[in-house]
Amino acid sequence: MYARVINFTLLAPSLWTVVQAATSIETSKGHTVLLFKSSENSGVIVELFSDIKMAGKELRALEILQKFKEQAMAKVNVLEGKQQ
């Protein structure tokens, strides 16, 4: 199993709708996307993959958030790793 964790801070709480839409992508077998709201303007997206190869192919959530970074995000932090 391989995971990608994206921590982010929004410039405005009203942007949660955009984040929810970006993370409501259809997941495939071996790929799951979870969205957690930690405060009014910050949250975490956890993507679980069957392996690192799939993680390299499934970049939609990350790409969408990075496109919004300058206009809507104060901070985007990404961590990746495999289960030991």
PDB file of N, CA and C in Angstrom:
ATOM      1  N   MET A   1       0.842  -1.176   0.000  1.00  0.00           N
ATOM      2  CA  MET A   1       0.000   0.000   0.000  1.00  0.00           C
ATOM      3  C   MET A   1       0.887   1.239   0.000  1.00  0.00           C
ATOM      4  N   TYR A   2       0.441   2.257  -0.700  1.00  0.00           N
ATOM      5  CA  TYR A   2       1.156   3.522  -0.827  1.00  0.00           C
ATOM      6  C   TYR A   2       0.166   4.640  -0.540  1.00  0.00           C
ATOM      7  N   ALA A   3       0.607   5.709   0.104  1.00  0.00           N
ATOM      8  CA  ALA A   3      -0.309   6.799   0.458  1.00  0.00           C
ATOM      9  C   ALA A   3       0.280   8.156   0.106  1.00  0.00           C
ATOM     10  N   ARG A   4      -0.617   9.072  -0.195  1.00  0.00           N
ATOM     11  CA  ARG A   4      -0.264  10.475  -0.401  1.00  0.00           C
ATOM     12  C   ARG A   4      -1.154  11.277   0.547  1.00  0.00           C
ATOM     13  N   VAL A   5      -0.524  12.141   1.336  1.00  0.00           N
ATOM     14  CA  VAL A   5      -1.260  12.986   2.281  1.00  0.00           C
ATOM     15  C   VAL A   5      -1.014  14.434   1.894  1.00  0.00           C
ATOM     16  N   ILE A   6      -2.095  15.164   1.649  1.00  0.00           N
ATOM     17  CA  ILE A   6      -2.000  16.564   1.241  1.00  0.00           C
ATOM     18  C   ILE A   6      -2.644  17.425   2.328  1.00  0.00           C
ATOM     19  N   ASN A   7      -1.832  18.207   3.023  1.00  0.00           N
ATOM     20  CA  ASN A   7      -2.333  19.171   4.008  1.00  0.00           C
ATOM     21  C   ASN A   7      -2.483  20.507   3.306  1.00  0.00           C
ATOM     22  N   PHE A   8      -3.561  21.206   3.575  1.00  0.00           N
ATOM     23  CA  PHE A   8      -3.755  22.492   2.908  1.00  0.00           C
ATOM     24  C   PHE A   8      -4.459  23.476   3.823  1.00  0.00           C
ATOM     25  N   THR A   9      -4.242  24.754   3.522  1.00  0.00           N
ATOM     26  CA  THR A   9      -4.924  25.850   4.212  1.00  0.00           C
ATOM     27  C   THR A   9      -5.549  26.739   3.144  1.00  0.00           C
ATOM     28  N   LEU A  10      -6.832  26.985   3.291  1.00  0.00           N
ATOM     29  CA  LEU A  10      -7.569  27.822   2.337  1.00  0.00           C
ATOM     30  C   LEU A  10      -7.456  29.295   2.722  1.00  0.00           C
ATOM     31  N   LEU A  11      -7.512  30.170   1.746  1.00  0.00           N
ATOM     32  CA  LEU A  11      -7.526  31.601   2.033  1.00  0.00           C
ATOM     33  C   LEU A  11      -8.891  32.051   2.536  1.00  0.00           C
ATOM     34  N   ALA A  12      -9.939  31.311   2.166  1.00  0.00           N
ATOM     35  CA  ALA A  12     -11.294  31.632   2.611  1.00  0.00           C
ATOM     36  C   ALA A  12     -12.076  30.333   2.838  1.00  0.00           C
ATOM     37  N   PRO A  13     -12.804  30.220   3.964  1.00  0.00           N
ATOM     38  CA  PRO A  13     -13.585  29.015   4.243  1.00  0.00           C
ATOM     39  C   PRO A  13     -14.620  28.700   3.167  1.00  0.00           C
ATOM     40  N   SER A  14     -15.052  29.707   2.429  1.00  0.00           N
ATOM     41  CA  SER A  14     -16.056  29.482   1.380  1.00  0.00           C
ATOM     42  C   SER A  14     -15.527  28.612   0.241  1.00  0.00           C
ATOM     43  N   LEU A  15     -14.232  28.397   0.195  1.00  0.00           N
ATOM     44  CA  LEU A  15     -13.626  27.581  -0.856  1.00  0.00           C
ATOM     45  C   LEU A  15     -13.749  26.077  -0.602  1.00  0.00           C
ATOM     46  N   TRP A  16     -14.359  25.693   0.520  1.00  0.00           N
ATOM     47  CA  TRP A  16     -14.542  24.268   0.809  1.00  0.00           C
ATOM     48  C   TRP A  16     -15.329  23.573  -0.293  1.00  0.00           C
ATOM     49  N   THR A  17     -16.271  24.258  -0.891  1.00  0.00           N
ATOM     50  CA  THR A  17     -17.054  23.666  -1.974  1.00  0.00           C
ATOM     51  C   THR A  17     -16.154  23.253  -3.133  1.00  0.00           C
ATOM     52  N   VAL A  18     -15.184  24.078  -3.447  1.00  0.00           N
ATOM     53  CA  VAL A  18     -14.253  23.791  -4.529  1.00  0.00           C
ATOM     54  C   VAL A  18     -13.403  22.566  -4.177  1.00  0.00           C
ATOM     55  N   VAL A  19     -12.919  22.508  -2.948  1.00  0.00           N
ATOM     56  CA  VAL A  19     -12.098  21.380  -2.512  1.00  0.00           C
ATOM     57  C   VAL A  19     -12.913  20.091  -2.532  1.00  0.00           C
ATOM     58  N   GLN A  20     -14.144  20.159  -2.065  1.00  0.00           N
ATOM     59  CA  GLN A  20     -15.003  18.967  -2.078  1.00  0.00           C
ATOM     60  C   GLN A  20     -15.227  18.481  -3.501  1.00  0.00           C
ATOM     61  N   ALA A  21     -15.426  19.384  -4.420  1.00  0.00           N
ATOM     62  CA  ALA A  21     -15.613  19.002  -5.820  1.00  0.00           C
ATOM     63  C   ALA A  21     -14.330  18.390  -6.387  1.00  0.00           C
ATOM     64  N   ALA A  22     -13.193  18.936  -6.020  1.00  0.00           N
ATOM     65  CA  ALA A  22     -11.909  18.433  -6.526  1.00  0.00           C
ATOM     66  C   ALA A  22     -11.594  17.040  -5.994  1.00  0.00           C
ATOM     67  N   THR A  23     -12.062  16.735  -4.805  1.00  0.00           N
ATOM     68  CA  THR A  23     -11.748  15.435  -4.208  1.00  0.00           C
ATOM     69  C   THR A  23     -12.859  14.410  -4.393  1.00  0.00           C
ATOM     70  N   SER A  24     -13.919  14.785  -5.031  1.00  0.00           N
ATOM     71  CA  SER A  24     -14.997  13.823  -5.263  1.00  0.00           C
ATOM     72  C   SER A  24     -14.815  13.113  -6.600  1.00  0.00           C
ATOM     73  N   ILE A  25     -13.561  12.940  -6.983  1.00  0.00           N
ATOM     74  CA  ILE A  25     -13.239  12.259  -8.227  1.00  0.00           C
ATOM     75  C   ILE A  25     -13.568  10.774  -8.100  1.00  0.00           C
ATOM     76  N   GLU A  26     -13.880  10.175  -9.199  1.00  0.00           N
ATOM     77  CA  GLU A  26     -14.162   8.742  -9.187  1.00  0.00           C
ATOM     78  C   GLU A  26     -12.873   7.997  -8.885  1.00  0.00           C
ATOM     79  N   THR A  27     -12.951   7.102  -7.925  1.00  0.00           N
ATOM     80  CA  THR A  27     -11.773   6.313  -7.601  1.00  0.00           C
ATOM     81  C   THR A  27     -11.853   4.972  -8.304  1.00  0.00           C
ATOM     82  N   SER A  28     -10.713   4.437  -8.594  1.00  0.00           N
ATOM     83  CA  SER A  28     -10.649   3.142  -9.254  1.00  0.00           C
ATOM     84  C   SER A  28     -10.257   2.087  -8.227  1.00  0.00           C
ATOM     85  N   LYS A  29     -10.299   0.845  -8.654  1.00  0.00           N
ATOM     86  CA  LYS A  29      -9.904  -0.237  -7.758  1.00  0.00           C
ATOM     87  C   LYS A  29      -8.447  -0.015  -7.356  1.00  0.00           C
ATOM     88  N   GLY A  30      -8.185   0.000  -6.070  1.00  0.00           N
ATOM     89  CA  GLY A  30      -6.837   0.249  -5.585  1.00  0.00           C
ATOM     90  C   GLY A  30      -6.511   1.711  -5.356  1.00  0.00           C
ATOM     91  N   HIS A  31      -7.511   2.610  -5.509  1.00  0.00           N
ATOM     92  CA  HIS A  31      -7.299   4.052  -5.288  1.00  0.00           C
ATOM     93  C   HIS A  31      -8.499   4.609  -4.532  1.00  0.00           C
ATOM     94  N   THR A  32      -8.230   5.182  -3.367  1.00  0.00           N
ATOM     95  CA  THR A  32      -9.278   5.763  -2.532  1.00  0.00           C
ATOM     96  C   THR A  32      -8.879   7.184  -2.146  1.00  0.00           C
ATOM     97  N   VAL A  33      -9.836   8.114  -2.166  1.00  0.00           N
ATOM     98  CA  VAL A  33      -9.583   9.503  -1.780  1.00  0.00           C
ATOM     99  C   VAL A  33     -10.473   9.841  -0.581  1.00  0.00           C
ATOM    100  N   LEU A  34      -9.858  10.356   0.488  1.00  0.00           N
ATOM    101  CA  LEU A  34     -10.577  10.750   1.702  1.00  0.00           C
ATOM    102  C   LEU A  34     -10.280  12.216   2.001  1.00  0.00           C
ATOM    103  N   LEU A  35     -11.307  12.986   2.349  1.00  0.00           N
ATOM    104  CA  LEU A  35     -11.156  14.403   2.679  1.00  0.00           C
ATOM    105  C   LEU A  35     -11.540  14.613   4.137  1.00  0.00           C
ATOM    106  N   PHE A  36     -10.669  15.282   4.894  1.00  0.00           N
ATOM    107  CA  PHE A  36     -10.924  15.586   6.296  1.00  0.00           C
ATOM    108  C   PHE A  36     -10.808  17.087   6.505  1.00  0.00           C
ATOM    109  N   LYS A  37     -11.773  17.660   7.187  1.00  0.00           N
ATOM    110  CA  LYS A  37     -11.763  19.094   7.499  1.00  0.00           C
ATOM    111  C   LYS A  37     -11.264  19.243   8.933  1.00  0.00           C
ATOM    112  N   SER A  38     -10.114  19.904   9.118  1.00  0.00           N
ATOM    113  CA  SER A  38      -9.551  20.044  10.459  1.00  0.00           C
ATOM    114  C   SER A  38      -9.905  21.371  11.125  1.00  0.00           C
ATOM    115  N   SER A  39     -10.258  22.373  10.325  1.00  0.00           N
ATOM    116  CA  SER A  39     -10.740  23.650  10.864  1.00  0.00           C
ATOM    117  C   SER A  39     -11.544  24.333   9.771  1.00  0.00           C
ATOM    118  N   GLU A  40     -11.982  25.549  10.030  1.00  0.00           N
ATOM    119  CA  GLU A  40     -12.798  26.268   9.050  1.00  0.00           C
ATOM    120  C   GLU A  40     -12.082  26.500   7.722  1.00  0.00           C
ATOM    121  N   ASN A  41     -10.758  26.615   7.776  1.00  0.00           N
ATOM    122  CA  ASN A  41     -10.040  26.893   6.532  1.00  0.00           C
ATOM    123  C   ASN A  41      -8.859  25.962   6.275  1.00  0.00           C
ATOM    124  N   SER A  42      -8.853  24.792   6.897  1.00  0.00           N
ATOM    125  CA  SER A  42      -7.769  23.846   6.610  1.00  0.00           C
ATOM    126  C   SER A  42      -8.266  22.415   6.646  1.00  0.00           C
ATOM    127  N   GLY A  43      -7.524  21.559   5.975  1.00  0.00           N
ATOM    128  CA  GLY A  43      -7.923  20.167   5.920  1.00  0.00           C
ATOM    129  C   GLY A  43      -6.818  19.279   5.397  1.00  0.00           C
ATOM    130  N   VAL A  44      -7.177  18.004   5.236  1.00  0.00           N
ATOM    131  CA  VAL A  44      -6.234  16.989   4.794  1.00  0.00           C
ATOM    132  C   VAL A  44      -6.931  16.094   3.773  1.00  0.00           C
ATOM    133  N   ILE A  45      -6.223  15.786   2.701  1.00  0.00           N
ATOM    134  CA  ILE A  45      -6.700  14.811   1.731  1.00  0.00           C
ATOM    135  C   ILE A  45      -5.760  13.623   1.820  1.00  0.00           C
ATOM    136  N   VAL A  46      -6.327  12.441   2.015  1.00  0.00           N
ATOM    137  CA  VAL A  46      -5.537  11.216   2.074  1.00  0.00           C
ATOM    138  C   VAL A  46      -5.912  10.374   0.864  1.00  0.00           C
ATOM    139  N   GLU A  47      -4.923  10.041   0.070  1.00  0.00           N
ATOM    140  CA  GLU A  47      -5.136   9.159  -1.079  1.00  0.00           C
ATOM    141  C   GLU A  47      -4.400   7.857  -0.804  1.00  0.00           C
ATOM    142  N   LEU A  48      -5.110   6.747  -0.937  1.00  0.00           N
ATOM    143  CA  LEU A  48      -4.529   5.428  -0.741  1.00  0.00           C
ATOM    144  C   LEU A  48      -4.453   4.711  -2.077  1.00  0.00           C
ATOM    145  N   PHE A  49      -3.314   4.100  -2.342  1.00  0.00           N
ATOM    146  CA  PHE A  49      -3.077   3.411  -3.608  1.00  0.00           C
ATOM    147  C   PHE A  49      -2.617   1.987  -3.338  1.00  0.00           C
ATOM    148  N   SER A  50      -2.842   1.123  -4.301  1.00  0.00           N
ATOM    149  CA  SER A  50      -2.379  -0.256  -4.144  1.00  0.00           C
ATOM    150  C   SER A  50      -0.855  -0.343  -4.247  1.00  0.00           C
ATOM    151  N   ASP A  51      -0.238   0.547  -5.035  1.00  0.00           N
ATOM    152  CA  ASP A  51       1.224   0.556  -5.152  1.00  0.00           C
ATOM    153  C   ASP A  51       1.703   1.921  -5.655  1.00  0.00           C
ATOM    154  N   ILE A  52       3.008   2.105  -5.664  1.00  0.00           N
ATOM    155  CA  ILE A  52       3.605   3.383  -6.058  1.00  0.00           C
ATOM    156  C   ILE A  52       3.365   3.691  -7.539  1.00  0.00           C
ATOM    157  N   LYS A  53       3.270   2.655  -8.355  1.00  0.00           N
ATOM    158  CA  LYS A  53       3.017   2.847  -9.783  1.00  0.00           C
ATOM    159  C   LYS A  53       1.676   3.543 -10.006  1.00  0.00           C
ATOM    160  N   MET A  54       0.655   3.093  -9.275  1.00  0.00           N
ATOM    161  CA  MET A  54      -0.671   3.694  -9.396  1.00  0.00           C
ATOM    162  C   MET A  54      -0.645   5.139  -8.898  1.00  0.00           C
ATOM    163  N   ALA A  55       0.115   5.398  -7.830  1.00  0.00           N
ATOM    164  CA  ALA A  55       0.213   6.758  -7.292  1.00  0.00           C
ATOM    165  C   ALA A  55       0.797   7.713  -8.326  1.00  0.00           C
ATOM    166  N   GLY A  56       1.726   7.220  -9.128  1.00  0.00           N
ATOM    167  CA  GLY A  56       2.327   8.042 -10.171  1.00  0.00           C
ATOM    168  C   GLY A  56       1.371   8.358 -11.309  1.00  0.00           C
ATOM    169  N   LYS A  57       0.361   7.521 -11.487  1.00  0.00           N
ATOM    170  CA  LYS A  57      -0.615   7.734 -12.562  1.00  0.00           C
ATOM    171  C   LYS A  57      -1.813   8.560 -12.106  1.00  0.00           C
ATOM    172  N   GLU A  58      -2.170   8.448 -10.834  1.00  0.00           N
ATOM    173  CA  GLU A  58      -3.355   9.133 -10.301  1.00  0.00           C
ATOM    174  C   GLU A  58      -2.955  10.431  -9.601  1.00  0.00           C
ATOM    175  N   LEU A  59      -2.890  11.510 -10.340  1.00  0.00           N
ATOM    176  CA  LEU A  59      -2.447  12.798  -9.802  1.00  0.00           C
ATOM    177  C   LEU A  59      -3.533  13.872  -9.835  1.00  0.00           C
ATOM    178  N   ARG A  60      -4.751  13.493 -10.168  1.00  0.00           N
ATOM    179  CA  ARG A  60      -5.799  14.509 -10.379  1.00  0.00           C
ATOM    180  C   ARG A  60      -6.037  15.412  -9.171  1.00  0.00           C
ATOM    181  N   ALA A  61      -6.201  14.837  -7.983  1.00  0.00           N
ATOM    182  CA  ALA A  61      -6.472  15.662  -6.794  1.00  0.00           C
ATOM    183  C   ALA A  61      -5.319  16.625  -6.530  1.00  0.00           C
ATOM    184  N   LEU A  62      -4.094  16.130  -6.633  1.00  0.00           N
ATOM    185  CA  LEU A  62      -2.922  16.963  -6.410  1.00  0.00           C
ATOM    186  C   LEU A  62      -2.814  18.069  -7.450  1.00  0.00           C
ATOM    187  N   GLU A  63      -3.039  17.738  -8.695  1.00  0.00           N
ATOM    188  CA  GLU A  63      -2.968  18.735  -9.768  1.00  0.00           C
ATOM    189  C   GLU A  63      -4.016  19.825  -9.589  1.00  0.00           C
ATOM    190  N   ILE A  64      -5.227  19.443  -9.223  1.00  0.00           N
ATOM    191  CA  ILE A  64      -6.296  20.421  -9.034  1.00  0.00           C
ATOM    192  C   ILE A  64      -5.953  21.373  -7.897  1.00  0.00           C
ATOM    193  N   LEU A  65      -5.486  20.840  -6.765  1.00  0.00           N
ATOM    194  CA  LEU A  65      -5.140  21.705  -5.634  1.00  0.00           C
ATOM    195  C   LEU A  65      -3.960  22.616  -5.959  1.00  0.00           C
ATOM    196  N   GLN A  66      -2.997  22.121  -6.687  1.00  0.00           N
ATOM    197  CA  GLN A  66      -1.852  22.962  -7.037  1.00  0.00           C
ATOM    198  C   GLN A  66      -2.243  24.081  -8.000  1.00  0.00           C
ATOM    199  N   LYS A  67      -3.225  23.859  -8.843  1.00  0.00           N
ATOM    200  CA  LYS A  67      -3.702  24.916  -9.736  1.00  0.00           C
ATOM    201  C   LYS A  67      -4.375  26.038  -8.955  1.00  0.00           C
ATOM    202  N   PHE A  68      -5.024  25.689  -7.845  1.00  0.00           N
ATOM    203  CA  PHE A  68      -5.683  26.690  -7.017  1.00  0.00           C
ATOM    204  C   PHE A  68      -4.732  27.369  -6.041  1.00  0.00           C
ATOM    205  N   LYS A  69      -3.529  26.856  -5.903  1.00  0.00           N
ATOM    206  CA  LYS A  69      -2.633  27.322  -4.847  1.00  0.00           C
ATOM    207  C   LYS A  69      -2.481  28.830  -4.785  1.00  0.00           C
ATOM    208  N   GLU A  70      -2.144  29.459  -5.882  1.00  0.00           N
ATOM    209  CA  GLU A  70      -1.887  30.892  -5.840  1.00  0.00           C
ATOM    210  C   GLU A  70      -3.140  31.718  -5.596  1.00  0.00           C
ATOM    211  N   GLN A  71      -4.287  31.249  -6.078  1.00  0.00           N
ATOM    212  CA  GLN A  71      -5.514  32.024  -5.959  1.00  0.00           C
ATOM    213  C   GLN A  71      -6.316  31.695  -4.706  1.00  0.00           C
ATOM    214  N   ALA A  72      -6.250  30.443  -4.236  1.00  0.00           N
ATOM    215  CA  ALA A  72      -7.163  30.032  -3.176  1.00  0.00           C
ATOM    216  C   ALA A  72      -6.495  29.390  -1.976  1.00  0.00           C
ATOM    217  N   MET A  73      -5.274  28.951  -2.122  1.00  0.00           N
ATOM    218  CA  MET A  73      -4.616  28.216  -1.051  1.00  0.00           C
ATOM    219  C   MET A  73      -3.488  29.035  -0.441  1.00  0.00           C
ATOM    220  N   ALA A  74      -3.469  29.099   0.873  1.00  0.00           N
ATOM    221  CA  ALA A  74      -2.368  29.754   1.553  1.00  0.00           C
ATOM    222  C   ALA A  74      -1.198  28.791   1.685  1.00  0.00           C
ATOM    223  N   LYS A  75      -1.520  27.483   1.751  1.00  0.00           N
ATOM    224  CA  LYS A  75      -0.464  26.507   1.948  1.00  0.00           C
ATOM    225  C   LYS A  75      -0.900  25.138   1.436  1.00  0.00           C
ATOM    226  N   VAL A  76      -0.016  24.451   0.751  1.00  0.00           N
ATOM    227  CA  VAL A  76      -0.249  23.065   0.327  1.00  0.00           C
ATOM    228  C   VAL A  76       1.030  22.301   0.641  1.00  0.00           C
ATOM    229  N   ASN A  77       0.891  21.223   1.401  1.00  0.00           N
ATOM    230  CA  ASN A  77       2.026  20.414   1.811  1.00  0.00           C
ATOM    231  C   ASN A  77       1.739  18.959   1.454  1.00  0.00           C
ATOM    232  N   VAL A  78       2.650  18.270   0.794  1.00  0.00           N
ATOM    233  CA  VAL A  78       2.411  16.911   0.333  1.00  0.00           C
ATOM    234  C   VAL A  78       3.451  15.963   0.920  1.00  0.00           C
ATOM    235  N   LEU A  79       2.954  14.828   1.450  1.00  0.00           N
ATOM    236  CA  LEU A  79       3.816  13.760   1.953  1.00  0.00           C
ATOM    237  C   LEU A  79       3.418  12.476   1.253  1.00  0.00           C
ATOM    238  N   GLU A  80       4.400  11.638   0.921  1.00  0.00           N
ATOM    239  CA  GLU A  80       4.106  10.360   0.298  1.00  0.00           C
ATOM    240  C   GLU A  80       4.949   9.281   0.940  1.00  0.00           C
ATOM    241  N   GLY A  81       4.439   8.056   0.928  1.00  0.00           N
ATOM    242  CA  GLY A  81       5.227   6.957   1.451  1.00  0.00           C
ATOM    243  C   GLY A  81       4.473   5.637   1.369  1.00  0.00           C
ATOM    244  N   LYS A  82       5.210   4.561   1.618  1.00  0.00           N
ATOM    245  CA  LYS A  82       4.608   3.245   1.566  1.00  0.00           C
ATOM    246  C   LYS A  82       4.514   2.653   2.965  1.00  0.00           C
ATOM    247  N   GLN A  83       3.604   1.712   3.092  1.00  0.00           N
ATOM    248  CA  GLN A  83       3.391   1.038   4.365  1.00  0.00           C
ATOM    249  C   GLN A  83       4.537   0.065   4.615  1.00  0.00           C
ATOM    250  N   GLN A  84       5.063   0.076   5.804  1.00  0.00           N
ATOM    251  CA  GLN A  84       6.167  -0.839   6.170  1.00  0.00           C
ATOM    252  C   GLN A  84       5.635  -2.066   6.854  1.00  0.00           C
TER     253      GLN A  84
END
